Amino acid sequence: MAKKQKTSKVANENICGALSYILIGIIWYFADEKMKKSAFAKYHAKQGLVLLIADLIIYAIWMVPFIGWIIGWILNIGLIILMIIGIINGLNGQQKPLPLIGKFADNFKF
C-alpha cells in the first residue's frame, strides 16, 4: 500500500511538472500543499515562469512592424519547442534546464 502511494505521489509530481509549462507555472499555485513543498514541482514552475517572461519579450518584439513579425514568428516557434522539451522532462521526472533560457530560472526564489 505504501509503495502505491509513493508511486502515485511521483506521478502527481510529474503531471504537475508537465502542466507547469502548459499553464506557464500557474498550476503550481493551485496544487495542494504537498506539491508546493515539492522541489520537483517548484523547479518546473520556475522554468515555466521563465517561458512566460520570454513570451512577453517576444510579444514586445512582435509589435515592431514587418521585421518584428518575422522575428516574432521564429522566436515563437522556438518557444513552443522549449515548452515541448519542458513537458517531456516533467513527465519523465527529469530536472533538466531548458536550453538557452533555463539557467535564468535559478534567479527566482519561491
PDB file of N, CA and C in Angstrom:
ATOM      1  N   MET A   1       0.824  -1.199   0.000  1.00  0.00           N
ATOM      2  CA  MET A   1       0.000   0.000   0.000  1.00  0.00           C
ATOM      3  C   MET A   1       0.861   1.254   0.000  1.00  0.00           C
ATOM      4  N   ALA A   2       1.912   1.250   0.829  1.00  0.00           N
ATOM      5  CA  ALA A   2       2.780   2.431   0.903  1.00  0.00           C
ATOM      6  C   ALA A   2       3.490   2.660  -0.422  1.00  0.00           C
ATOM      7  N   LYS A   3       3.856   1.570  -1.109  1.00  0.00           N
ATOM      8  CA  LYS A   3       4.526   1.715  -2.390  1.00  0.00           C
ATOM      9  C   LYS A   3       3.597   2.340  -3.423  1.00  0.00           C
ATOM     10  N   LYS A   4       2.323   1.984  -3.405  1.00  0.00           N
ATOM     11  CA  LYS A   4       1.363   2.550  -4.341  1.00  0.00           C
ATOM     12  C   LYS A   4       1.197   4.051  -4.109  1.00  0.00           C
ATOM     13  N   GLN A   5       1.165   4.469  -2.835  1.00  0.00           N
ATOM     14  CA  GLN A   5       1.043   5.894  -2.538  1.00  0.00           C
ATOM     15  C   GLN A   5       2.273   6.649  -3.001  1.00  0.00           C
ATOM     16  N   LYS A   6       3.447   6.049  -2.836  1.00  0.00           N
ATOM     17  CA  LYS A   6       4.675   6.701  -3.264  1.00  0.00           C
ATOM     18  C   LYS A   6       4.689   6.839  -4.785  1.00  0.00           C
ATOM     19  N   THR A   7       4.273   5.797  -5.498  1.00  0.00           N
ATOM     20  CA  THR A   7       4.208   5.848  -6.950  1.00  0.00           C
ATOM     21  C   THR A   7       3.203   6.902  -7.398  1.00  0.00           C
ATOM     22  N   SER A   8       2.081   6.982  -6.710  1.00  0.00           N
ATOM     23  CA  SER A   8       1.070   7.976  -7.031  1.00  0.00           C
ATOM     24  C   SER A   8       1.599   9.388  -6.829  1.00  0.00           C
ATOM     25  N   LYS A   9       2.396   9.594  -5.768  1.00  0.00           N
ATOM     26  CA  LYS A   9       2.972  10.913  -5.491  1.00  0.00           C
ATOM     27  C   LYS A   9       3.926  11.309  -6.611  1.00  0.00           C
ATOM     28  N   VAL A  10       4.752  10.371  -7.061  1.00  0.00           N
ATOM     29  CA  VAL A  10       5.691  10.648  -8.148  1.00  0.00           C
ATOM     30  C   VAL A  10       4.930  10.984  -9.425  1.00  0.00           C
ATOM     31  N   ALA A  11       3.877  10.232  -9.718  1.00  0.00           N
ATOM     32  CA  ALA A  11       3.074  10.502 -10.913  1.00  0.00           C
ATOM     33  C   ALA A  11       2.433  11.883 -10.827  1.00  0.00           C
ATOM     34  N   ASN A  12       1.929  12.247  -9.643  1.00  0.00           N
ATOM     35  CA  ASN A  12       1.335  13.576  -9.463  1.00  0.00           C
ATOM     36  C   ASN A  12       2.365  14.671  -9.659  1.00  0.00           C
ATOM     37  N   GLU A  13       3.576  14.463  -9.149  1.00  0.00           N
ATOM     38  CA  GLU A  13       4.633  15.467  -9.333  1.00  0.00           C
ATOM     39  C   GLU A  13       4.989  15.599 -10.810  1.00  0.00           C
ATOM     40  N   ASN A  14       5.068  14.481 -11.521  1.00  0.00           N
ATOM     41  CA  ASN A  14       5.402  14.529 -12.946  1.00  0.00           C
ATOM     42  C   ASN A  14       4.325  15.265 -13.735  1.00  0.00           C
ATOM     43  N   ILE A  15       3.072  15.002 -13.417  1.00  0.00           N
ATOM     44  CA  ILE A  15       1.976  15.687 -14.107  1.00  0.00           C
ATOM     45  C   ILE A  15       1.997  17.174 -13.784  1.00  0.00           C
ATOM     46  N   CYS A  16       2.232  17.512 -12.516  1.00  0.00           N
ATOM     47  CA  CYS A  16       2.305  18.917 -12.116  1.00  0.00           C
ATOM     48  C   CYS A  16       3.476  19.604 -12.825  1.00  0.00           C
ATOM     49  N   GLY A  17       4.599  18.899 -12.941  1.00  0.00           N
ATOM     50  CA  GLY A  17       5.754  19.448 -13.644  1.00  0.00           C
ATOM     51  C   GLY A  17       5.455  19.715 -15.106  1.00  0.00           C
ATOM     52  N   ALA A  18       4.763  18.795 -15.757  1.00  0.00           N
ATOM     53  CA  ALA A  18       4.420  18.976 -17.169  1.00  0.00           C
ATOM     54  C   ALA A  18       3.409  20.100 -17.351  1.00  0.00           C
ATOM     55  N   LEU A  19       2.431  20.178 -16.462  1.00  0.00           N
ATOM     56  CA  LEU A  19       1.411  21.223 -16.576  1.00  0.00           C
ATOM     57  C   LEU A  19       1.983  22.616 -16.307  1.00  0.00           C
ATOM     58  N   SER A  20       3.106  22.680 -15.626  1.00  0.00           N
ATOM     59  CA  SER A  20       3.740  23.976 -15.369  1.00  0.00           C
ATOM     60  C   SER A  20       4.125  24.674 -16.665  1.00  0.00           C
ATOM     61  N   TYR A  21       4.400  23.906 -17.700  1.00  0.00           N
ATOM     62  CA  TYR A  21       4.763  24.510 -18.985  1.00  0.00           C
ATOM     63  C   TYR A  21       3.530  24.883 -19.791  1.00  0.00           C
ATOM     64  N   ILE A  22       2.514  24.070 -19.697  1.00  0.00           N
ATOM     65  CA  ILE A  22       1.298  24.345 -20.454  1.00  0.00           C
ATOM     66  C   ILE A  22       0.589  25.570 -19.890  1.00  0.00           C
ATOM     67  N   LEU A  23       0.507  25.625 -18.574  1.00  0.00           N
ATOM     68  CA  LEU A  23      -0.181  26.736 -17.929  1.00  0.00           C
ATOM     69  C   LEU A  23       0.805  27.770 -17.399  1.00  0.00           C
ATOM     70  N   ILE A  24       2.043  27.702 -17.845  1.00  0.00           N
ATOM     71  CA  ILE A  24       3.115  28.643 -17.522  1.00  0.00           C
ATOM     72  C   ILE A  24       3.266  28.847 -16.010  1.00  0.00           C
ATOM     73  N   GLY A  25       3.345  27.753 -15.280  1.00  0.00           N
ATOM     74  CA  GLY A  25       3.664  27.831 -13.861  1.00  0.00           C
ATOM     75  C   GLY A  25       2.502  28.133 -12.942  1.00  0.00           C
ATOM     76  N   ILE A  26       1.357  28.515 -13.475  1.00  0.00           N
ATOM     77  CA  ILE A  26       0.243  28.885 -12.623  1.00  0.00           C
ATOM     78  C   ILE A  26      -0.327  27.670 -11.907  1.00  0.00           C
ATOM     79  N   ILE A  27      -0.274  26.511 -12.523  1.00  0.00           N
ATOM     80  CA  ILE A  27      -0.831  25.299 -11.916  1.00  0.00           C
ATOM     81  C   ILE A  27      -0.166  25.016 -10.571  1.00  0.00           C
ATOM     82  N   TRP A  28       1.085  25.405 -10.444  1.00  0.00           N
ATOM     83  CA  TRP A  28       1.818  25.141  -9.211  1.00  0.00           C
ATOM     84  C   TRP A  28       1.158  25.823  -8.017  1.00  0.00           C
ATOM     85  N   TYR A  29       0.625  27.005  -8.221  1.00  0.00           N
ATOM     86  CA  TYR A  29      -0.004  27.741  -7.136  1.00  0.00           C
ATOM     87  C   TYR A  29      -1.339  27.121  -6.710  1.00  0.00           C
ATOM     88  N   PHE A  30      -1.972  26.408  -7.613  1.00  0.00           N
ATOM     89  CA  PHE A  30      -3.254  25.796  -7.291  1.00  0.00           C
ATOM     90  C   PHE A  30      -3.103  24.350  -6.837  1.00  0.00           C
ATOM     91  N   ALA A  31      -1.900  23.851  -6.839  1.00  0.00           N
ATOM     92  CA  ALA A  31      -1.666  22.483  -6.393  1.00  0.00           C
ATOM     93  C   ALA A  31      -1.839  22.396  -4.883  1.00  0.00           C
ATOM     94  N   ASP A  32      -1.964  21.184  -4.412  1.00  0.00           N
ATOM     95  CA  ASP A  32      -2.123  21.023  -2.962  1.00  0.00           C
ATOM     96  C   ASP A  32      -0.821  21.355  -2.240  1.00  0.00           C
ATOM     97  N   GLU A  33      -0.871  21.382  -0.936  1.00  0.00           N
ATOM     98  CA  GLU A  33       0.285  21.802  -0.127  1.00  0.00           C
ATOM     99  C   GLU A  33       1.496  20.892  -0.334  1.00  0.00           C
ATOM    100  N   LYS A  34       1.268  19.613  -0.572  1.00  0.00           N
ATOM    101  CA  LYS A  34       2.394  18.700  -0.797  1.00  0.00           C
ATOM    102  C   LYS A  34       3.147  19.067  -2.062  1.00  0.00           C
ATOM    103  N   MET A  35       2.421  19.477  -3.087  1.00  0.00           N
ATOM    104  CA  MET A  35       3.072  19.863  -4.334  1.00  0.00           C
ATOM    105  C   MET A  35       3.847  21.165  -4.166  1.00  0.00           C
ATOM    106  N   LYS A  36       3.316  22.079  -3.339  1.00  0.00           N
ATOM    107  CA  LYS A  36       4.014  23.348  -3.129  1.00  0.00           C
ATOM    108  C   LYS A  36       5.341  23.141  -2.413  1.00  0.00           C
ATOM    109  N   LYS A  37       5.442  22.069  -1.643  1.00  0.00           N
ATOM    110  CA  LYS A  37       6.684  21.767  -0.923  1.00  0.00           C
ATOM    111  C   LYS A  37       7.629  20.918  -1.758  1.00  0.00           C
ATOM    112  N   SER A  38       7.170  20.448  -2.899  1.00  0.00           N
ATOM    113  CA  SER A  38       7.963  19.584  -3.760  1.00  0.00           C
ATOM    114  C   SER A  38       9.007  20.398  -4.518  1.00  0.00           C
ATOM    115  N   ALA A  39      10.259  20.018  -4.367  1.00  0.00           N
ATOM    116  CA  ALA A  39      11.343  20.694  -5.092  1.00  0.00           C
ATOM    117  C   ALA A  39      11.192  20.476  -6.598  1.00  0.00           C
ATOM    118  N   PHE A  40      10.691  19.316  -6.979  1.00  0.00           N
ATOM    119  CA  PHE A  40      10.490  18.995  -8.395  1.00  0.00           C
ATOM    120  C   PHE A  40       9.447  19.920  -9.010  1.00  0.00           C
ATOM    121  N   ALA A  41       8.323  20.089  -8.336  1.00  0.00           N
ATOM    122  CA  ALA A  41       7.255  20.958  -8.845  1.00  0.00           C
ATOM    123  C   ALA A  41       7.727  22.412  -8.880  1.00  0.00           C
ATOM    124  N   LYS A  42       8.469  22.846  -7.869  1.00  0.00           N
ATOM    125  CA  LYS A  42       8.994  24.215  -7.860  1.00  0.00           C
ATOM    126  C   LYS A  42       9.947  24.443  -9.027  1.00  0.00           C
ATOM    127  N   TYR A  43      10.796  23.464  -9.274  1.00  0.00           N
ATOM    128  CA  TYR A  43      11.761  23.584 -10.359  1.00  0.00           C
ATOM    129  C   TYR A  43      11.050  23.829 -11.686  1.00  0.00           C
ATOM    130  N   HIS A  44      10.037  23.023 -11.973  1.00  0.00           N
ATOM    131  CA  HIS A  44       9.341  23.156 -13.244  1.00  0.00           C
ATOM    132  C   HIS A  44       8.455  24.410 -13.280  1.00  0.00           C
ATOM    133  N   ALA A  45       7.954  24.828 -12.143  1.00  0.00           N
ATOM    134  CA  ALA A  45       7.192  26.080 -12.102  1.00  0.00           C
ATOM    135  C   ALA A  45       8.100  27.263 -12.442  1.00  0.00           C
ATOM    136  N   LYS A  46       9.331  27.231 -11.945  1.00  0.00           N
ATOM    137  CA  LYS A  46      10.290  28.300 -12.261  1.00  0.00           C
ATOM    138  C   LYS A  46      10.639  28.293 -13.749  1.00  0.00           C
ATOM    139  N   GLN A  47      10.816  27.100 -14.317  1.00  0.00           N
ATOM    140  CA  GLN A  47      11.097  27.005 -15.744  1.00  0.00           C
ATOM    141  C   GLN A  47       9.912  27.554 -16.555  1.00  0.00           C
ATOM    142  N   GLY A  48       8.695  27.246 -16.118  1.00  0.00           N
ATOM    143  CA  GLY A  48       7.505  27.767 -16.782  1.00  0.00           C
ATOM    144  C   GLY A  48       7.406  29.275 -16.687  1.00  0.00           C
ATOM    145  N   LEU A  49       7.830  29.821 -15.550  1.00  0.00           N
ATOM    146  CA  LEU A  49       7.825  31.274 -15.367  1.00  0.00           C
ATOM    147  C   LEU A  49       8.811  31.946 -16.313  1.00  0.00           C
ATOM    148  N   VAL A  50       9.953  31.316 -16.527  1.00  0.00           N
ATOM    149  CA  VAL A  50      10.928  31.839 -17.492  1.00  0.00           C
ATOM    150  C   VAL A  50      10.319  31.841 -18.899  1.00  0.00           C
ATOM    151  N   LEU A  51       9.575  30.798 -19.224  1.00  0.00           N
ATOM    152  CA  LEU A  51       8.900  30.771 -20.527  1.00  0.00           C
ATOM    153  C   LEU A  51       7.881  31.899 -20.647  1.00  0.00           C
ATOM    154  N   LEU A  52       7.173  32.186 -19.575  1.00  0.00           N
ATOM    155  CA  LEU A  52       6.204  33.286 -19.593  1.00  0.00           C
ATOM    156  C   LEU A  52       6.903  34.618 -19.858  1.00  0.00           C
ATOM    157  N   ILE A  53       8.012  34.855 -19.193  1.00  0.00           N
ATOM    158  CA  ILE A  53       8.763  36.097 -19.381  1.00  0.00           C
ATOM    159  C   ILE A  53       9.296  36.174 -20.814  1.00  0.00           C
ATOM    160  N   ALA A  54       9.801  35.053 -21.329  1.00  0.00           N
ATOM    161  CA  ALA A  54      10.275  35.026 -22.712  1.00  0.00           C
ATOM    162  C   ALA A  54       9.135  35.309 -23.679  1.00  0.00           C
ATOM    163  N   ASP A  55       7.958  34.799 -23.376  1.00  0.00           N
ATOM    164  CA  ASP A  55       6.794  35.048 -24.222  1.00  0.00           C
ATOM    165  C   ASP A  55       6.419  36.528 -24.231  1.00  0.00           C
ATOM    166  N   LEU A  56       6.510  37.179 -23.089  1.00  0.00           N
ATOM    167  CA  LEU A  56       6.217  38.614 -23.016  1.00  0.00           C
ATOM    168  C   LEU A  56       7.234  39.431 -23.813  1.00  0.00           C
ATOM    169  N   ILE A  57       8.487  39.014 -23.768  1.00  0.00           N
ATOM    170  CA  ILE A  57       9.525  39.695 -24.553  1.00  0.00           C
ATOM    171  C   ILE A  57       9.263  39.505 -26.047  1.00  0.00           C
ATOM    172  N   ILE A  58       8.888  38.291 -26.425  1.00  0.00           N
ATOM    173  CA  ILE A  58       8.568  38.033 -27.835  1.00  0.00           C
ATOM    174  C   ILE A  58       7.368  38.861 -28.266  1.00  0.00           C
ATOM    175  N   TYR A  59       6.394  39.005 -27.390  1.00  0.00           N
ATOM    176  CA  TYR A  59       5.220  39.830 -27.709  1.00  0.00           C
ATOM    177  C   TYR A  59       5.636  41.280 -27.965  1.00  0.00           C
ATOM    178  N   ALA A  60       6.579  41.793 -27.171  1.00  0.00           N
ATOM    179  CA  ALA A  60       7.056  43.162 -27.375  1.00  0.00           C
ATOM    180  C   ALA A  60       7.785  43.289 -28.714  1.00  0.00           C
ATOM    181  N   ILE A  61       8.551  42.277 -29.076  1.00  0.00           N
ATOM    182  CA  ILE A  61       9.251  42.290 -30.367  1.00  0.00           C
ATOM    183  C   ILE A  61       8.243  42.254 -31.507  1.00  0.00           C
ATOM    184  N   TRP A  62       7.171  41.513 -31.307  1.00  0.00           N
ATOM    185  CA  TRP A  62       6.139  41.356 -32.325  1.00  0.00           C
ATOM    186  C   TRP A  62       5.453  42.682 -32.654  1.00  0.00           C
ATOM    187  N   MET A  63       5.525  43.648 -31.785  1.00  0.00           N
ATOM    188  CA  MET A  63       4.882  44.947 -32.017  1.00  0.00           C
ATOM    189  C   MET A  63       5.600  45.786 -33.077  1.00  0.00           C
ATOM    190  N   VAL A  64       6.841  45.441 -33.382  1.00  0.00           N
ATOM    191  CA  VAL A  64       7.601  46.164 -34.404  1.00  0.00           C
ATOM    192  C   VAL A  64       7.117  45.683 -35.780  1.00  0.00           C
ATOM    193  N   PRO A  65       6.655  46.601 -36.625  1.00  0.00           N
ATOM    194  CA  PRO A  65       6.133  46.184 -37.935  1.00  0.00           C
ATOM    195  C   PRO A  65       7.178  45.469 -38.792  1.00  0.00           C
ATOM    196  N   PHE A  66       6.714  44.532 -39.560  1.00  0.00           N
ATOM    197  CA  PHE A  66       7.442  43.745 -40.542  1.00  0.00           C
ATOM    198  C   PHE A  66       8.567  42.911 -39.945  1.00  0.00           C
ATOM    199  N   ILE A  67       9.692  43.509 -39.622  1.00  0.00           N
ATOM    200  CA  ILE A  67      10.833  42.729 -39.118  1.00  0.00           C
ATOM    201  C   ILE A  67      10.507  42.072 -37.772  1.00  0.00           C
ATOM    202  N   GLY A  68       9.757  42.775 -36.945  1.00  0.00           N
ATOM    203  CA  GLY A  68       9.345  42.209 -35.656  1.00  0.00           C
ATOM    204  C   GLY A  68       8.398  41.036 -35.840  1.00  0.00           C
ATOM    205  N   TRP A  69       7.572  41.078 -36.864  1.00  0.00           N
ATOM    206  CA  TRP A  69       6.651  39.973 -37.134  1.00  0.00           C
ATOM    207  C   TRP A  69       7.424  38.720 -37.537  1.00  0.00           C
ATOM    208  N   ILE A  70       8.441  38.904 -38.358  1.00  0.00           N
ATOM    209  CA  ILE A  70       9.249  37.767 -38.808  1.00  0.00           C
ATOM    210  C   ILE A  70      10.030  37.179 -37.632  1.00  0.00           C
ATOM    211  N   ILE A  71      10.704  38.041 -36.919  1.00  0.00           N
ATOM    212  CA  ILE A  71      11.481  37.581 -35.764  1.00  0.00           C
ATOM    213  C   ILE A  71      10.545  36.978 -34.710  1.00  0.00           C
ATOM    214  N   GLY A  72       9.381  37.587 -34.513  1.00  0.00           N
ATOM    215  CA  GLY A  72       8.411  37.079 -33.547  1.00  0.00           C
ATOM    216  C   GLY A  72       7.955  35.669 -33.869  1.00  0.00           C
ATOM    217  N   TRP A  73       7.678  35.393 -35.144  1.00  0.00           N
ATOM    218  CA  TRP A  73       7.274  34.048 -35.552  1.00  0.00           C
ATOM    219  C   TRP A  73       8.368  33.036 -35.257  1.00  0.00           C
ATOM    220  N   ILE A  74       9.588  33.384 -35.621  1.00  0.00           N
ATOM    221  CA  ILE A  74      10.714  32.465 -35.405  1.00  0.00           C
ATOM    222  C   ILE A  74      10.907  32.198 -33.909  1.00  0.00           C
ATOM    223  N   LEU A  75      10.895  33.252 -33.112  1.00  0.00           N
ATOM    224  CA  LEU A  75      11.072  33.085 -31.673  1.00  0.00           C
ATOM    225  C   LEU A  75       9.905  32.334 -31.040  1.00  0.00           C
ATOM    226  N   ASN A  76       8.709  32.547 -31.542  1.00  0.00           N
ATOM    227  CA  ASN A  76       7.541  31.852 -31.013  1.00  0.00           C
ATOM    228  C   ASN A  76       7.623  30.351 -31.291  1.00  0.00           C
ATOM    229  N   ILE A  77       8.105  29.972 -32.457  1.00  0.00           N
ATOM    230  CA  ILE A  77       8.304  28.553 -32.767  1.00  0.00           C
ATOM    231  C   ILE A  77       9.338  27.961 -31.816  1.00  0.00           C
ATOM    232  N   GLY A  78      10.407  28.712 -31.567  1.00  0.00           N
ATOM    233  CA  GLY A  78      11.419  28.265 -30.609  1.00  0.00           C
ATOM    234  C   GLY A  78      10.842  28.100 -29.210  1.00  0.00           C
ATOM    235  N   LEU A  79       9.967  28.995 -28.823  1.00  0.00           N
ATOM    236  CA  LEU A  79       9.328  28.927 -27.506  1.00  0.00           C
ATOM    237  C   LEU A  79       8.443  27.680 -27.391  1.00  0.00           C
ATOM    238  N   ILE A  80       7.746  27.352 -28.452  1.00  0.00           N
ATOM    239  CA  ILE A  80       6.909  26.148 -28.457  1.00  0.00           C
ATOM    240  C   ILE A  80       7.777  24.896 -28.334  1.00  0.00           C
ATOM    241  N   ILE A  81       8.910  24.891 -29.011  1.00  0.00           N
ATOM    242  CA  ILE A  81       9.836  23.762 -28.910  1.00  0.00           C
ATOM    243  C   ILE A  81      10.353  23.626 -27.477  1.00  0.00           C
ATOM    244  N   LEU A  82      10.704  24.755 -26.850  1.00  0.00           N
ATOM    245  CA  LEU A  82      11.161  24.718 -25.459  1.00  0.00           C
ATOM    246  C   LEU A  82      10.060  24.215 -24.528  1.00  0.00           C
ATOM    247  N   MET A  83       8.829  24.601 -24.812  1.00  0.00           N
ATOM    248  CA  MET A  83       7.706  24.150 -23.996  1.00  0.00           C
ATOM    249  C   MET A  83       7.552  22.627 -24.107  1.00  0.00           C
ATOM    250  N   ILE A  84       7.681  22.097 -25.305  1.00  0.00           N
ATOM    251  CA  ILE A  84       7.574  20.649 -25.505  1.00  0.00           C
ATOM    252  C   ILE A  84       8.699  19.922 -24.782  1.00  0.00           C
ATOM    253  N   ILE A  85       9.909  20.468 -24.838  1.00  0.00           N
ATOM    254  CA  ILE A  85      11.040  19.876 -24.121  1.00  0.00           C
ATOM    255  C   ILE A  85      10.756  19.864 -22.628  1.00  0.00           C
ATOM    256  N   GLY A  86      10.230  20.964 -22.094  1.00  0.00           N
ATOM    257  CA  GLY A  86       9.910  21.041 -20.672  1.00  0.00           C
ATOM    258  C   GLY A  86       8.835  20.052 -20.273  1.00  0.00           C
ATOM    259  N   ILE A  87       7.816  19.888 -21.093  1.00  0.00           N
ATOM    260  CA  ILE A  87       6.750  18.934 -20.807  1.00  0.00           C
ATOM    261  C   ILE A  87       7.307  17.518 -20.772  1.00  0.00           C
ATOM    262  N   ILE A  88       8.140  17.184 -21.732  1.00  0.00           N
ATOM    263  CA  ILE A  88       8.739  15.853 -21.771  1.00  0.00           C
ATOM    264  C   ILE A  88       9.605  15.624 -20.534  1.00  0.00           C
ATOM    265  N   ASN A  89      10.415  16.620 -20.164  1.00  0.00           N
ATOM    266  CA  ASN A  89      11.237  16.495 -18.954  1.00  0.00           C
ATOM    267  C   ASN A  89      10.365  16.304 -17.715  1.00  0.00           C
ATOM    268  N   GLY A  90       9.277  17.063 -17.621  1.00  0.00           N
ATOM    269  CA  GLY A  90       8.383  16.952 -16.470  1.00  0.00           C
ATOM    270  C   GLY A  90       7.734  15.590 -16.376  1.00  0.00           C
ATOM    271  N   LEU A  91       7.262  15.075 -17.499  1.00  0.00           N
ATOM    272  CA  LEU A  91       6.620  13.770 -17.498  1.00  0.00           C
ATOM    273  C   LEU A  91       7.598  12.636 -17.219  1.00  0.00           C
ATOM    274  N   ASN A  92       8.856  12.814 -17.621  1.00  0.00           N
ATOM    275  CA  ASN A  92       9.873  11.787 -17.379  1.00  0.00           C
ATOM    276  C   ASN A  92      10.523  11.900 -16.009  1.00  0.00           C
ATOM    277  N   GLY A  93      10.140  12.904 -15.237  1.00  0.00           N
ATOM    278  CA  GLY A  93      10.699  13.061 -13.898  1.00  0.00           C
ATOM    279  C   GLY A  93      12.108  13.630 -13.888  1.00  0.00           C
ATOM    280  N   GLN A  94      12.484  14.338 -14.935  1.00  0.00           N
ATOM    281  CA  GLN A  94      13.825  14.901 -15.040  1.00  0.00           C
ATOM    282  C   GLN A  94      13.817  16.384 -14.706  1.00  0.00           C
ATOM    283  N   GLN A  95      14.900  16.839 -14.112  1.00  0.00           N
ATOM    284  CA  GLN A  95      15.065  18.258 -13.797  1.00  0.00           C
ATOM    285  C   GLN A  95      16.204  18.827 -14.633  1.00  0.00           C
ATOM    286  N   LYS A  96      15.984  18.915 -15.921  1.00  0.00           N
ATOM    287  CA  LYS A  96      16.973  19.484 -16.830  1.00  0.00           C
ATOM    288  C   LYS A  96      16.557  20.910 -17.154  1.00  0.00           C
ATOM    289  N   PRO A  97      17.500  21.852 -17.115  1.00  0.00           N
ATOM    290  CA  PRO A  97      17.140  23.222 -17.510  1.00  0.00           C
ATOM    291  C   PRO A  97      16.850  23.286 -19.007  1.00  0.00           C
ATOM    292  N   LEU A  98      15.933  24.161 -19.362  1.00  0.00           N
ATOM    293  CA  LEU A  98      15.609  24.347 -20.772  1.00  0.00           C
ATOM    294  C   LEU A  98      16.808  24.944 -21.498  1.00  0.00           C
ATOM    295  N   PRO A  99      17.040  24.534 -22.740  1.00  0.00           N
ATOM    296  CA  PRO A  99      18.156  25.122 -23.489  1.00  0.00           C
ATOM    297  C   PRO A  99      18.001  26.637 -23.627  1.00  0.00           C
ATOM    298  N   LEU A 100      19.083  27.337 -23.553  1.00  0.00           N
ATOM    299  CA  LEU A 100      19.200  28.783 -23.745  1.00  0.00           C
ATOM    300  C   LEU A 100      18.616  29.626 -22.605  1.00  0.00           C
ATOM    301  N   ILE A 101      17.433  29.320 -22.107  1.00  0.00           N
ATOM    302  CA  ILE A 101      16.796  30.200 -21.122  1.00  0.00           C
ATOM    303  C   ILE A 101      16.603  29.558 -19.753  1.00  0.00           C
ATOM    304  N   GLY A 102      16.856  28.277 -19.631  1.00  0.00           N
ATOM    305  CA  GLY A 102      16.601  27.574 -18.375  1.00  0.00           C
ATOM    306  C   GLY A 102      17.450  28.041 -17.210  1.00  0.00           C
ATOM    307  N   LYS A 103      18.632  28.549 -17.482  1.00  0.00           N
ATOM    308  CA  LYS A 103      19.525  28.982 -16.398  1.00  0.00           C
ATOM    309  C   LYS A 103      18.970  30.200 -15.648  1.00  0.00           C
ATOM    310  N   PHE A 104      18.074  30.956 -16.273  1.00  0.00           N
ATOM    311  CA  PHE A 104      17.507  32.127 -15.628  1.00  0.00           C
ATOM    312  C   PHE A 104      16.507  31.744 -14.522  1.00  0.00           C
ATOM    313  N   ALA A 105      16.019  30.519 -14.545  1.00  0.00           N
ATOM    314  CA  ALA A 105      15.054  30.072 -13.540  1.00  0.00           C
ATOM    315  C   ALA A 105      15.676  30.027 -12.144  1.00  0.00           C
ATOM    316  N   ASP A 106      16.976  29.877 -12.056  1.00  0.00           N
ATOM    317  CA  ASP A 106      17.649  29.830 -10.754  1.00  0.00           C
ATOM    318  C   ASP A 106      17.561  31.158 -10.017  1.00  0.00           C
ATOM    319  N   ASN A 107      17.257  32.230 -10.706  1.00  0.00           N
ATOM    320  CA  ASN A 107      17.159  33.548 -10.078  1.00  0.00           C
ATOM    321  C   ASN A 107      15.882  33.746  -9.280  1.00  0.00           C
ATOM    322  N   PHE A 108      14.871  32.887  -9.498  1.00  0.00           N
ATOM    323  CA  PHE A 108      13.606  33.019  -8.788  1.00  0.00           C
ATOM    324  C   PHE A 108      13.666  32.262  -7.474  1.00  0.00           C
ATOM    325  N   LYS A 109      13.241  32.899  -6.422  1.00  0.00           N
ATOM    326  CA  LYS A 109      13.218  32.294  -5.092  1.00  0.00           C
ATOM    327  C   LYS A 109      11.790  32.217  -4.596  1.00  0.00           C
ATOM    328  N   PHE A 110      11.194  31.044  -4.646  1.00  0.00           N
ATOM    329  CA  PHE A 110       9.893  30.808  -4.049  1.00  0.00           C
ATOM    330  C   PHE A 110       9.750  29.364  -3.691  1.00  0.00           C
TER     331      PHE A 110
END
